[in-house]
């Protein structure tokens, strides 16, 4: 069984930075992609950034040039978030597409004050 645990969320003022970490445990084979999603109150979960097994990245338009996804090892994933805005406030979830399945963490809360 695969488990994902996110960390690094917190409270920050607008313009600040946070670095999220996702740590995976379990039997992870055939990784297709890793990604970060977020869900703000009253809104649907949306893709923030993703990275494929061969290193191709994809970002939501709203975070391009501010966020960076890094795949440092098979079982870790980072999201560097700079120039944070109040509209970035959300629960951020780690996602792993592997073993022909979709795995999710429980999320970490990011709150950006104006």
PDB file of N, CA and C in Angstrom:
ATOM      1  N   UNK A   1       0.843  -1.186   0.000  1.00  0.00           N
ATOM      2  CA  UNK A   1       0.000   0.000   0.000  1.00  0.00           C
ATOM      3  C   UNK A   1       0.883   1.243   0.000  1.00  0.00           C
ATOM      4  N   UNK A   2       0.449   2.238  -0.753  1.00  0.00           N
ATOM      5  CA  UNK A   2       1.211   3.482  -0.868  1.00  0.00           C
ATOM      6  C   UNK A   2       0.551   4.554  -0.013  1.00  0.00           C
ATOM      7  N   UNK A   3       1.368   5.271   0.740  1.00  0.00           N
ATOM      8  CA  UNK A   3       0.883   6.383   1.551  1.00  0.00           C
ATOM      9  C   UNK A   3       1.659   7.642   1.196  1.00  0.00           C
ATOM     10  N   UNK A   4       0.940   8.749   1.111  1.00  0.00           N
ATOM     11  CA  UNK A   4       1.550  10.039   0.840  1.00  0.00           C
ATOM     12  C   UNK A   4       1.300  10.957   2.026  1.00  0.00           C
ATOM     13  N   UNK A   5       2.333  11.649   2.447  1.00  0.00           N
ATOM     14  CA  UNK A   5       2.200  12.589   3.561  1.00  0.00           C
ATOM     15  C   UNK A   5       2.774  13.931   3.136  1.00  0.00           C
ATOM     16  N   UNK A   6       1.954  14.952   3.240  1.00  0.00           N
ATOM     17  CA  UNK A   6       2.398  16.300   2.906  1.00  0.00           C
ATOM     18  C   UNK A   6       2.823  17.042   4.169  1.00  0.00           C
ATOM     19  N   UNK A   7       3.737  17.975   3.996  1.00  0.00           N
ATOM     20  CA  UNK A   7       4.146  18.853   5.090  1.00  0.00           C
ATOM     21  C   UNK A   7       4.601  20.180   4.501  1.00  0.00           C
ATOM     22  N   UNK A   8       4.774  21.170   5.382  1.00  0.00           N
ATOM     23  CA  UNK A   8       5.300  22.451   4.941  1.00  0.00           C
ATOM     24  C   UNK A   8       4.273  23.554   4.819  1.00  0.00           C
ATOM     25  N   UNK A   9       3.007  23.205   4.987  1.00  0.00           N
ATOM     26  CA  UNK A   9       1.991  24.252   4.921  1.00  0.00           C
ATOM     27  C   UNK A   9       2.061  25.154   6.138  1.00  0.00           C
ATOM     28  N   UNK A  10       1.317  26.247   6.088  1.00  0.00           N
ATOM     29  CA  UNK A  10       1.312  27.149   7.220  1.00  0.00           C
ATOM     30  C   UNK A  10       0.691  28.476   6.862  1.00  0.00           C
ATOM     31  N   UNK A  11       0.970  29.448   7.713  1.00  0.00           N
ATOM     32  CA  UNK A  11       0.421  30.792   7.566  1.00  0.00           C
ATOM     33  C   UNK A  11       1.544  31.718   7.104  1.00  0.00           C
ATOM     34  N   UNK A  12       1.280  32.494   6.068  1.00  0.00           N
ATOM     35  CA  UNK A  12       2.296  33.400   5.545  1.00  0.00           C
ATOM     36  C   UNK A  12       1.619  34.664   5.021  1.00  0.00           C
ATOM     37  N   UNK A  13       2.335  35.759   5.069  1.00  0.00           N
ATOM     38  CA  UNK A  13       1.805  37.009   4.524  1.00  0.00           C
ATOM     39  C   UNK A  13       1.977  37.035   3.007  1.00  0.00           C
ATOM     40  N   UNK A  14       1.154  37.802   2.358  1.00  0.00           N
ATOM     41  CA  UNK A  14       1.251  37.951   0.906  1.00  0.00           C
ATOM     42  C   UNK A  14       2.663  38.383   0.532  1.00  0.00           C
ATOM     43  N   UNK A  15       3.184  37.775  -0.523  1.00  0.00           N
ATOM     44  CA  UNK A  15       4.541  38.047  -0.951  1.00  0.00           C
ATOM     45  C   UNK A  15       5.563  37.085  -0.380  1.00  0.00           C
ATOM     46  N   UNK A  16       5.150  36.302   0.598  1.00  0.00           N
ATOM     47  CA  UNK A  16       6.058  35.357   1.225  1.00  0.00           C
ATOM     48  C   UNK A  16       6.197  34.062   0.454  1.00  0.00           C
ATOM     49  N   UNK A  17       6.942  33.140   1.052  1.00  0.00           N
ATOM     50  CA  UNK A  17       7.238  31.862   0.406  1.00  0.00           C
ATOM     51  C   UNK A  17       6.997  30.704   1.359  1.00  0.00           C
ATOM     52  N   UNK A  18       6.665  29.573   0.767  1.00  0.00           N
ATOM     53  CA  UNK A  18       6.571  28.326   1.501  1.00  0.00           C
ATOM     54  C   UNK A  18       7.095  27.210   0.605  1.00  0.00           C
ATOM     55  N   UNK A  19       7.561  26.141   1.235  1.00  0.00           N
ATOM     56  CA  UNK A  19       8.032  24.974   0.491  1.00  0.00           C
ATOM     57  C   UNK A  19       7.301  23.752   1.017  1.00  0.00           C
ATOM     58  N   UNK A  20       6.549  23.132   0.142  1.00  0.00           N
ATOM     59  CA  UNK A  20       5.805  21.934   0.513  1.00  0.00           C
ATOM     60  C   UNK A  20       6.615  20.695   0.170  1.00  0.00           C
ATOM     61  N   UNK A  21       6.447  19.685   0.996  1.00  0.00           N
ATOM     62  CA  UNK A  21       7.114  18.406   0.772  1.00  0.00           C
ATOM     63  C   UNK A  21       6.080  17.287   0.808  1.00  0.00           C
ATOM     64  N   UNK A  22       6.204  16.363  -0.113  1.00  0.00           N
ATOM     65  CA  UNK A  22       5.382  15.159  -0.120  1.00  0.00           C
ATOM     66  C   UNK A  22       6.321  13.968  -0.010  1.00  0.00           C
ATOM     67  N   UNK A  23       6.057  13.111   0.963  1.00  0.00           N
ATOM     68  CA  UNK A  23       6.884  11.933   1.173  1.00  0.00           C
ATOM     69  C   UNK A  23       6.015  10.698   0.994  1.00  0.00           C
ATOM     70  N   UNK A  24       6.475   9.794   0.140  1.00  0.00           N
ATOM     71  CA  UNK A  24       5.706   8.595  -0.162  1.00  0.00           C
ATOM     72  C   UNK A  24       6.367   7.358   0.416  1.00  0.00           C
ATOM     73  N   UNK A  25       5.555   6.465   0.915  1.00  0.00           N
ATOM     74  CA  UNK A  25       6.046   5.178   1.383  1.00  0.00           C
ATOM     75  C   UNK A  25       5.219   4.075   0.732  1.00  0.00           C
ATOM     76  N   UNK A  26       5.811   2.889   0.667  1.00  0.00           N
ATOM     77  CA  UNK A  26       5.112   1.760   0.079  1.00  0.00           C
ATOM     78  C   UNK A  26       5.796   1.290  -1.188  1.00  0.00           C
ATOM     79  N   UNK A  27       5.163   0.353  -1.841  1.00  0.00           N
ATOM     80  CA  UNK A  27       5.700  -0.223  -3.071  1.00  0.00           C
ATOM     81  C   UNK A  27       5.302   0.649  -4.253  1.00  0.00           C
ATOM     82  N   UNK A  28       6.226   1.461  -4.704  1.00  0.00           N
ATOM     83  CA  UNK A  28       5.953   2.401  -5.783  1.00  0.00           C
ATOM     84  C   UNK A  28       6.664   1.937  -7.033  1.00  0.00           C
ATOM     85  N   UNK A  29       5.888   1.554  -8.031  1.00  0.00           N
ATOM     86  CA  UNK A  29       6.432   1.080  -9.293  1.00  0.00           C
ATOM     87  C   UNK A  29       5.750   1.835 -10.429  1.00  0.00           C
ATOM     88  N   UNK A  30       6.376   1.855 -11.541  1.00  0.00           N
ATOM     89  CA  UNK A  30       5.763   2.418 -12.749  1.00  0.00           C
ATOM     90  C   UNK A  30       5.155   3.792 -12.497  1.00  0.00           C
ATOM     91  N   UNK A  31       5.991   4.733 -12.066  1.00  0.00           N
ATOM     92  CA  UNK A  31       5.514   6.094 -11.808  1.00  0.00           C
ATOM     93  C   UNK A  31       5.237   6.790 -13.135  1.00  0.00           C
ATOM     94  N   UNK A  32       4.020   7.270 -13.290  1.00  0.00           N
ATOM     95  CA  UNK A  32       3.662   8.023 -14.486  1.00  0.00           C
ATOM     96  C   UNK A  32       3.827   9.517 -14.274  1.00  0.00           C
ATOM     97  N   UNK A  33       3.358   9.996 -13.128  1.00  0.00           N
ATOM     98  CA  UNK A  33       3.437  11.420 -12.858  1.00  0.00           C
ATOM     99  C   UNK A  33       3.242  11.675 -11.375  1.00  0.00           C
ATOM    100  N   UNK A  34       3.727  12.812 -10.957  1.00  0.00           N
ATOM    101  CA  UNK A  34       3.508  13.298  -9.602  1.00  0.00           C
ATOM    102  C   UNK A  34       2.971  14.710  -9.716  1.00  0.00           C
ATOM    103  N   UNK A  35       2.208  15.124  -8.733  1.00  0.00           N
ATOM    104  CA  UNK A  35       1.667  16.467  -8.848  1.00  0.00           C
ATOM    105  C   UNK A  35       1.157  17.023  -7.542  1.00  0.00           C
ATOM    106  N   UNK A  36       0.895  18.297  -7.587  1.00  0.00           N
ATOM    107  CA  UNK A  36       0.269  19.012  -6.476  1.00  0.00           C
ATOM    108  C   UNK A  36      -1.050  19.585  -6.957  1.00  0.00           C
ATOM    109  N   UNK A  37      -2.083  19.385  -6.160  1.00  0.00           N
ATOM    110  CA  UNK A  37      -3.395  19.948  -6.407  1.00  0.00           C
ATOM    111  C   UNK A  37      -3.776  20.789  -5.201  1.00  0.00           C
ATOM    112  N   UNK A  38      -4.775  21.642  -5.371  1.00  0.00           N
ATOM    113  CA  UNK A  38      -5.255  22.407  -4.235  1.00  0.00           C
ATOM    114  C   UNK A  38      -6.763  22.572  -4.311  1.00  0.00           C
ATOM    115  N   UNK A  39      -7.335  22.770  -3.145  1.00  0.00           N
ATOM    116  CA  UNK A  39      -8.772  22.987  -3.063  1.00  0.00           C
ATOM    117  C   UNK A  39      -9.041  24.088  -2.068  1.00  0.00           C
ATOM    118  N   UNK A  40      -9.583  25.185  -2.579  1.00  0.00           N
ATOM    119  CA  UNK A  40      -9.966  26.311  -1.738  1.00  0.00           C
ATOM    120  C   UNK A  40     -11.400  26.102  -1.261  1.00  0.00           C
ATOM    121  N   UNK A  41     -11.780  26.751  -0.172  1.00  0.00           N
ATOM    122  CA  UNK A  41     -13.144  26.599   0.339  1.00  0.00           C
ATOM    123  C   UNK A  41     -14.192  26.921  -0.715  1.00  0.00           C
ATOM    124  N   UNK A  42     -15.136  26.024  -0.907  1.00  0.00           N
ATOM    125  CA  UNK A  42     -16.206  26.247  -1.854  1.00  0.00           C
ATOM    126  C   UNK A  42     -15.833  26.052  -3.304  1.00  0.00           C
ATOM    127  N   UNK A  43     -14.629  25.589  -3.557  1.00  0.00           N
ATOM    128  CA  UNK A  43     -14.179  25.406  -4.934  1.00  0.00           C
ATOM    129  C   UNK A  43     -13.768  23.964  -5.178  1.00  0.00           C
ATOM    130  N   UNK A  44     -13.681  23.621  -6.461  1.00  0.00           N
ATOM    131  CA  UNK A  44     -13.245  22.285  -6.824  1.00  0.00           C
ATOM    132  C   UNK A  44     -11.733  22.159  -6.717  1.00  0.00           C
ATOM    133  N   UNK A  45     -11.304  20.936  -6.521  1.00  0.00           N
ATOM    134  CA  UNK A  45      -9.864  20.684  -6.509  1.00  0.00           C
ATOM    135  C   UNK A  45      -9.293  20.957  -7.898  1.00  0.00           C
ATOM    136  N   UNK A  46      -8.136  21.612  -7.921  1.00  0.00           N
ATOM    137  CA  UNK A  46      -7.527  21.966  -9.207  1.00  0.00           C
ATOM    138  C   UNK A  46      -6.049  21.607  -9.215  1.00  0.00           C
ATOM    139  N   UNK A  47      -5.551  21.351 -10.406  1.00  0.00           N
ATOM    140  CA  UNK A  47      -4.132  21.060 -10.572  1.00  0.00           C
ATOM    141  C   UNK A  47      -3.325  22.328 -10.365  1.00  0.00           C
ATOM    142  N   UNK A  48      -2.269  22.219  -9.586  1.00  0.00           N
ATOM    143  CA  UNK A  48      -1.328  23.324  -9.400  1.00  0.00           C
ATOM    144  C   UNK A  48      -0.097  23.104 -10.274  1.00  0.00           C
ATOM    145  N   UNK A  49       0.493  21.939 -10.150  1.00  0.00           N
ATOM    146  CA  UNK A  49       1.699  21.629 -10.922  1.00  0.00           C
ATOM    147  C   UNK A  49       1.875  20.123 -10.968  1.00  0.00           C
ATOM    148  N   UNK A  50       2.460  19.648 -12.051  1.00  0.00           N
ATOM    149  CA  UNK A  50       2.724  18.224 -12.175  1.00  0.00           C
ATOM    150  C   UNK A  50       4.058  18.006 -12.876  1.00  0.00           C
ATOM    151  N   UNK A  51       4.602  16.821 -12.683  1.00  0.00           N
ATOM    152  CA  UNK A  51       5.849  16.454 -13.320  1.00  0.00           C
ATOM    153  C   UNK A  51       5.772  14.983 -13.701  1.00  0.00           C
ATOM    154  N   UNK A  52       6.169  14.678 -14.946  1.00  0.00           N
ATOM    155  CA  UNK A  52       6.104  13.304 -15.420  1.00  0.00           C
ATOM    156  C   UNK A  52       7.402  12.566 -15.066  1.00  0.00           C
ATOM    157  N   UNK A  53       7.406  11.292 -15.327  1.00  0.00           N
ATOM    158  CA  UNK A  53       8.576  10.496 -15.035  1.00  0.00           C
ATOM    159  C   UNK A  53       9.809  10.928 -15.814  1.00  0.00           C
ATOM    160  N   UNK A  54       9.605  11.518 -16.976  1.00  0.00           N
ATOM    161  CA  UNK A  54      10.749  11.993 -17.767  1.00  0.00           C
ATOM    162  C   UNK A  54      11.014  13.474 -17.562  1.00  0.00           C
ATOM    163  N   UNK A  55      10.411  14.065 -16.527  1.00  0.00           N
ATOM    164  CA  UNK A  55      10.762  15.424 -16.138  1.00  0.00           C
ATOM    165  C   UNK A  55       9.966  16.554 -16.755  1.00  0.00           C
ATOM    166  N   UNK A  56       8.945  16.235 -17.527  1.00  0.00           N
ATOM    167  CA  UNK A  56       8.143  17.305 -18.116  1.00  0.00           C
ATOM    168  C   UNK A  56       7.212  17.877 -17.051  1.00  0.00           C
ATOM    169  N   UNK A  57       7.186  19.204 -16.988  1.00  0.00           N
ATOM    170  CA  UNK A  57       6.370  19.880 -15.981  1.00  0.00           C
ATOM    171  C   UNK A  57       5.186  20.600 -16.621  1.00  0.00           C
ATOM    172  N   UNK A  58       4.181  20.793 -15.806  1.00  0.00           N
ATOM    173  CA  UNK A  58       2.979  21.513 -16.237  1.00  0.00           C
ATOM    174  C   UNK A  58       2.488  22.322 -15.049  1.00  0.00           C
ATOM    175  N   UNK A  59       2.137  23.578 -15.290  1.00  0.00           N
ATOM    176  CA  UNK A  59       1.693  24.459 -14.216  1.00  0.00           C
ATOM    177  C   UNK A  59       0.352  25.099 -14.561  1.00  0.00           C
ATOM    178  N   UNK A  60      -0.440  25.335 -13.538  1.00  0.00           N
ATOM    179  CA  UNK A  60      -1.627  26.149 -13.730  1.00  0.00           C
ATOM    180  C   UNK A  60      -1.183  27.564 -14.095  1.00  0.00           C
ATOM    181  N   UNK A  61      -1.945  28.225 -14.942  1.00  0.00           N
ATOM    182  CA  UNK A  61      -1.570  29.585 -15.371  1.00  0.00           C
ATOM    183  C   UNK A  61      -1.420  30.517 -14.173  1.00  0.00           C
ATOM    184  N   UNK A  62      -2.216  30.305 -13.156  1.00  0.00           N
ATOM    185  CA  UNK A  62      -2.217  31.217 -12.013  1.00  0.00           C
ATOM    186  C   UNK A  62      -0.950  31.137 -11.170  1.00  0.00           C
ATOM    187  N   UNK A  63      -0.149  30.080 -11.352  1.00  0.00           N
ATOM    188  CA  UNK A  63       1.054  29.932 -10.519  1.00  0.00           C
ATOM    189  C   UNK A  63       2.343  29.952 -11.329  1.00  0.00           C
ATOM    190  N   UNK A  64       2.233  30.000 -12.642  1.00  0.00           N
ATOM    191  CA  UNK A  64       3.441  30.026 -13.476  1.00  0.00           C
ATOM    192  C   UNK A  64       4.344  31.176 -13.070  1.00  0.00           C
ATOM    193  N   UNK A  65       5.614  30.925 -13.045  1.00  0.00           N
ATOM    194  CA  UNK A  65       6.690  31.848 -12.684  1.00  0.00           C
ATOM    195  C   UNK A  65       6.761  32.107 -11.178  1.00  0.00           C
ATOM    196  N   UNK A  66       5.800  31.594 -10.413  1.00  0.00           N
ATOM    197  CA  UNK A  66       5.855  31.767  -8.951  1.00  0.00           C
ATOM    198  C   UNK A  66       6.125  30.457  -8.229  1.00  0.00           C
ATOM    199  N   UNK A  67       5.623  29.374  -8.764  1.00  0.00           N
ATOM    200  CA  UNK A  67       5.767  28.058  -8.127  1.00  0.00           C
ATOM    201  C   UNK A  67       6.718  27.196  -8.955  1.00  0.00           C
ATOM    202  N   UNK A  68       7.398  26.284  -8.265  1.00  0.00           N
ATOM    203  CA  UNK A  68       8.282  25.345  -8.960  1.00  0.00           C
ATOM    204  C   UNK A  68       8.143  23.966  -8.323  1.00  0.00           C
ATOM    205  N   UNK A  69       7.912  22.968  -9.152  1.00  0.00           N
ATOM    206  CA  UNK A  69       7.794  21.595  -8.678  1.00  0.00           C
ATOM    207  C   UNK A  69       9.124  20.899  -8.899  1.00  0.00           C
ATOM    208  N   UNK A  70       9.551  20.142  -7.908  1.00  0.00           N
ATOM    209  CA  UNK A  70      10.839  19.436  -7.977  1.00  0.00           C
ATOM    210  C   UNK A  70      10.641  17.982  -7.547  1.00  0.00           C
ATOM    211  N   UNK A  71      11.150  17.102  -8.375  1.00  0.00           N
ATOM    212  CA  UNK A  71      11.077  15.671  -8.115  1.00  0.00           C
ATOM    213  C   UNK A  71      12.478  15.220  -7.729  1.00  0.00           C
ATOM    214  N   UNK A  72      12.784  15.227  -6.457  1.00  0.00           N
ATOM    215  CA  UNK A  72      14.151  15.002  -6.004  1.00  0.00           C
ATOM    216  C   UNK A  72      14.502  13.531  -5.838  1.00  0.00           C
ATOM    217  N   UNK A  73      13.514  12.687  -5.694  1.00  0.00           N
ATOM    218  CA  UNK A  73      13.759  11.254  -5.531  1.00  0.00           C
ATOM    219  C   UNK A  73      12.457  10.521  -5.823  1.00  0.00           C
ATOM    220  N   UNK A  74      12.553   9.218  -5.903  1.00  0.00           N
ATOM    221  CA  UNK A  74      11.371   8.435  -6.249  1.00  0.00           C
ATOM    222  C   UNK A  74      10.255   8.608  -5.236  1.00  0.00           C
ATOM    223  N   UNK A  75      10.623   8.893  -3.981  1.00  0.00           N
ATOM    224  CA  UNK A  75       9.595   8.946  -2.957  1.00  0.00           C
ATOM    225  C   UNK A  75       9.392  10.341  -2.376  1.00  0.00           C
ATOM    226  N   UNK A  76       9.896  11.381  -3.037  1.00  0.00           N
ATOM    227  CA  UNK A  76       9.699  12.735  -2.530  1.00  0.00           C
ATOM    228  C   UNK A  76       9.319  13.673  -3.665  1.00  0.00           C
ATOM    229  N   UNK A  77       8.594  14.712  -3.285  1.00  0.00           N
ATOM    230  CA  UNK A  77       8.168  15.723  -4.232  1.00  0.00           C
ATOM    231  C   UNK A  77       8.087  17.049  -3.498  1.00  0.00           C
ATOM    232  N   UNK A  78       8.625  18.096  -4.113  1.00  0.00           N
ATOM    233  CA  UNK A  78       8.604  19.403  -3.488  1.00  0.00           C
ATOM    234  C   UNK A  78       7.791  20.373  -4.331  1.00  0.00           C
ATOM    235  N   UNK A  79       7.261  21.392  -3.663  1.00  0.00           N
ATOM    236  CA  UNK A  79       6.638  22.511  -4.354  1.00  0.00           C
ATOM    237  C   UNK A  79       7.127  23.789  -3.688  1.00  0.00           C
ATOM    238  N   UNK A  80       7.958  24.529  -4.397  1.00  0.00           N
ATOM    239  CA  UNK A  80       8.428  25.812  -3.908  1.00  0.00           C
ATOM    240  C   UNK A  80       7.443  26.875  -4.344  1.00  0.00           C
ATOM    241  N   UNK A  81       6.900  27.598  -3.384  1.00  0.00           N
ATOM    242  CA  UNK A  81       5.886  28.603  -3.679  1.00  0.00           C
ATOM    243  C   UNK A  81       6.412  29.971  -3.258  1.00  0.00           C
ATOM    244  N   UNK A  82       6.582  30.850  -4.228  1.00  0.00           N
ATOM    245  CA  UNK A  82       7.068  32.199  -3.978  1.00  0.00           C
ATOM    246  C   UNK A  82       5.998  33.216  -4.347  1.00  0.00           C
ATOM    247  N   UNK A  83       6.187  34.420  -3.857  1.00  0.00           N
ATOM    248  CA  UNK A  83       5.262  35.519  -4.163  1.00  0.00           C
ATOM    249  C   UNK A  83       3.819  35.092  -3.942  1.00  0.00           C
ATOM    250  N   UNK A  84       3.576  34.517  -2.792  1.00  0.00           N
ATOM    251  CA  UNK A  84       2.245  33.986  -2.509  1.00  0.00           C
ATOM    252  C   UNK A  84       1.209  35.093  -2.430  1.00  0.00           C
ATOM    253  N   UNK A  85       0.010  34.736  -2.873  1.00  0.00           N
ATOM    254  CA  UNK A  85      -1.106  35.674  -2.886  1.00  0.00           C
ATOM    255  C   UNK A  85      -2.247  35.122  -2.030  1.00  0.00           C
ATOM    256  N   UNK A  86      -3.119  35.966  -1.549  1.00  0.00           N
ATOM    257  CA  UNK A  86      -4.264  35.458  -0.758  1.00  0.00           C
ATOM    258  C   UNK A  86      -5.074  34.409  -1.510  1.00  0.00           C
ATOM    259  N   UNK A  87      -5.150  34.538  -2.824  1.00  0.00           N
ATOM    260  CA  UNK A  87      -5.920  33.556  -3.597  1.00  0.00           C
ATOM    261  C   UNK A  87      -5.239  32.205  -3.696  1.00  0.00           C
ATOM    262  N   UNK A  88      -4.026  32.098  -3.193  1.00  0.00           N
ATOM    263  CA  UNK A  88      -3.355  30.792  -3.123  1.00  0.00           C
ATOM    264  C   UNK A  88      -3.777  30.004  -1.879  1.00  0.00           C
ATOM    265  N   UNK A  89      -4.547  30.631  -1.025  1.00  0.00           N
ATOM    266  CA  UNK A  89      -5.019  29.956   0.183  1.00  0.00           C
ATOM    267  C   UNK A  89      -5.858  28.741  -0.183  1.00  0.00           C
ATOM    268  N   UNK A  90      -5.461  27.578   0.326  1.00  0.00           N
ATOM    269  CA  UNK A  90      -6.137  26.327  -0.009  1.00  0.00           C
ATOM    270  C   UNK A  90      -5.490  25.190   0.767  1.00  0.00           C
ATOM    271  N   UNK A  91      -6.137  24.047   0.702  1.00  0.00           N
ATOM    272  CA  UNK A  91      -5.493  22.808   1.141  1.00  0.00           C
ATOM    273  C   UNK A  91      -4.775  22.231  -0.075  1.00  0.00           C
ATOM    274  N   UNK A  92      -3.498  21.950   0.097  1.00  0.00           N
ATOM    275  CA  UNK A  92      -2.681  21.437  -0.997  1.00  0.00           C
ATOM    276  C   UNK A  92      -2.491  19.929  -0.821  1.00  0.00           C
ATOM    277  N   UNK A  93      -2.758  19.207  -1.899  1.00  0.00           N
ATOM    278  CA  UNK A  93      -2.698  17.751  -1.882  1.00  0.00           C
ATOM    279  C   UNK A  93      -1.615  17.249  -2.828  1.00  0.00           C
ATOM    280  N   UNK A  94      -0.917  16.256  -2.366  1.00  0.00           N
ATOM    281  CA  UNK A  94       0.057  15.559  -3.197  1.00  0.00           C
ATOM    282  C   UNK A  94      -0.645  14.424  -3.933  1.00  0.00           C
ATOM    283  N   UNK A  95      -0.275  14.227  -5.184  1.00  0.00           N
ATOM    284  CA  UNK A  95      -0.857  13.163  -5.995  1.00  0.00           C
ATOM    285  C   UNK A  95       0.242  12.363  -6.667  1.00  0.00           C
ATOM    286  N   UNK A  96       0.065  11.070  -6.688  1.00  0.00           N
ATOM    287  CA  UNK A  96       1.011  10.171  -7.341  1.00  0.00           C
ATOM    288  C   UNK A  96       0.234   9.219  -8.235  1.00  0.00           C
ATOM    289  N   UNK A  97       0.611   9.205  -9.508  1.00  0.00           N
ATOM    290  CA  UNK A  97       0.014   8.266 -10.455  1.00  0.00           C
ATOM    291  C   UNK A  97       1.033   7.161 -10.699  1.00  0.00           C
ATOM    292  N   UNK A  98       0.793   6.022 -10.095  1.00  0.00           N
ATOM    293  CA  UNK A  98       1.736   4.918 -10.182  1.00  0.00           C
ATOM    294  C   UNK A  98       0.979   3.608  -9.973  1.00  0.00           C
ATOM    295  N   UNK A  99       1.620   2.532 -10.375  1.00  0.00           N
ATOM    296  CA  UNK A  99       0.999   1.214 -10.184  1.00  0.00           C
ATOM    297  C   UNK A  99      -0.403   1.161 -10.799  1.00  0.00           C
ATOM    298  N   UNK A 100      -0.634   1.953 -11.843  1.00  0.00           N
ATOM    299  CA  UNK A 100      -1.940   2.031 -12.510  1.00  0.00           C
ATOM    300  C   UNK A 100      -3.027   2.532 -11.563  1.00  0.00           C
ATOM    301  N   UNK A 101      -2.604   3.337 -10.581  1.00  0.00           N
ATOM    302  CA  UNK A 101      -3.565   3.872  -9.614  1.00  0.00           C
ATOM    303  C   UNK A 101      -3.259   5.333  -9.330  1.00  0.00           C
ATOM    304  N   UNK A 102      -4.231   5.986  -8.687  1.00  0.00           N
ATOM    305  CA  UNK A 102      -4.110   7.374  -8.253  1.00  0.00           C
ATOM    306  C   UNK A 102      -4.036   7.390  -6.733  1.00  0.00           C
ATOM    307  N   UNK A 103      -2.955   7.956  -6.193  1.00  0.00           N
ATOM    308  CA  UNK A 103      -2.799   8.037  -4.752  1.00  0.00           C
ATOM    309  C   UNK A 103      -2.845   9.500  -4.323  1.00  0.00           C
ATOM    310  N   UNK A 104      -3.459   9.726  -3.160  1.00  0.00           N
ATOM    311  CA  UNK A 104      -3.585  11.082  -2.632  1.00  0.00           C
ATOM    312  C   UNK A 104      -3.147  11.127  -1.180  1.00  0.00           C
ATOM    313  N   UNK A 105      -2.542  12.258  -0.820  1.00  0.00           N
ATOM    314  CA  UNK A 105      -2.277  12.526   0.576  1.00  0.00           C
ATOM    315  C   UNK A 105      -3.487  13.180   1.208  1.00  0.00           C
ATOM    316  N   UNK A 106      -3.385  13.461   2.509  1.00  0.00           N
ATOM    317  CA  UNK A 106      -4.508  14.064   3.219  1.00  0.00           C
ATOM    318  C   UNK A 106      -4.500  15.582   3.142  1.00  0.00           C
ATOM    319  N   UNK A 107      -3.415  16.152   2.633  1.00  0.00           N
ATOM    320  CA  UNK A 107      -3.364  17.579   2.409  1.00  0.00           C
ATOM    321  C   UNK A 107      -2.680  18.360   3.503  1.00  0.00           C
ATOM    322  N   UNK A 108      -2.206  19.537   3.119  1.00  0.00           N
ATOM    323  CA  UNK A 108      -1.617  20.471   4.069  1.00  0.00           C
ATOM    324  C   UNK A 108      -2.172  21.860   3.758  1.00  0.00           C
ATOM    325  N   UNK A 109      -2.551  22.579   4.806  1.00  0.00           N
ATOM    326  CA  UNK A 109      -3.225  23.859   4.638  1.00  0.00           C
ATOM    327  C   UNK A 109      -2.226  24.991   4.460  1.00  0.00           C
ATOM    328  N   UNK A 110      -2.459  25.790   3.442  1.00  0.00           N
ATOM    329  CA  UNK A 110      -1.682  27.004   3.194  1.00  0.00           C
ATOM    330  C   UNK A 110      -2.627  28.187   3.311  1.00  0.00           C
ATOM    331  N   UNK A 111      -2.276  29.119   4.184  1.00  0.00           N
ATOM    332  CA  UNK A 111      -3.087  30.316   4.371  1.00  0.00           C
ATOM    333  C   UNK A 111      -2.224  31.533   4.113  1.00  0.00           C
ATOM    334  N   UNK A 112      -2.663  32.370   3.184  1.00  0.00           N
ATOM    335  CA  UNK A 112      -1.924  33.576   2.818  1.00  0.00           C
ATOM    336  C   UNK A 112      -2.768  34.784   3.189  1.00  0.00           C
ATOM    337  N   UNK A 113      -2.221  35.621   4.052  1.00  0.00           N
ATOM    338  CA  UNK A 113      -2.948  36.805   4.482  1.00  0.00           C
ATOM    339  C   UNK A 113      -2.591  38.003   3.615  1.00  0.00           C
ATOM    340  N   UNK A 114      -3.529  38.907   3.486  1.00  0.00           N
ATOM    341  CA  UNK A 114      -3.295  40.104   2.664  1.00  0.00           C
ATOM    342  C   UNK A 114      -2.666  41.219   3.475  1.00  0.00           C
TER     343      UNK A 114
END
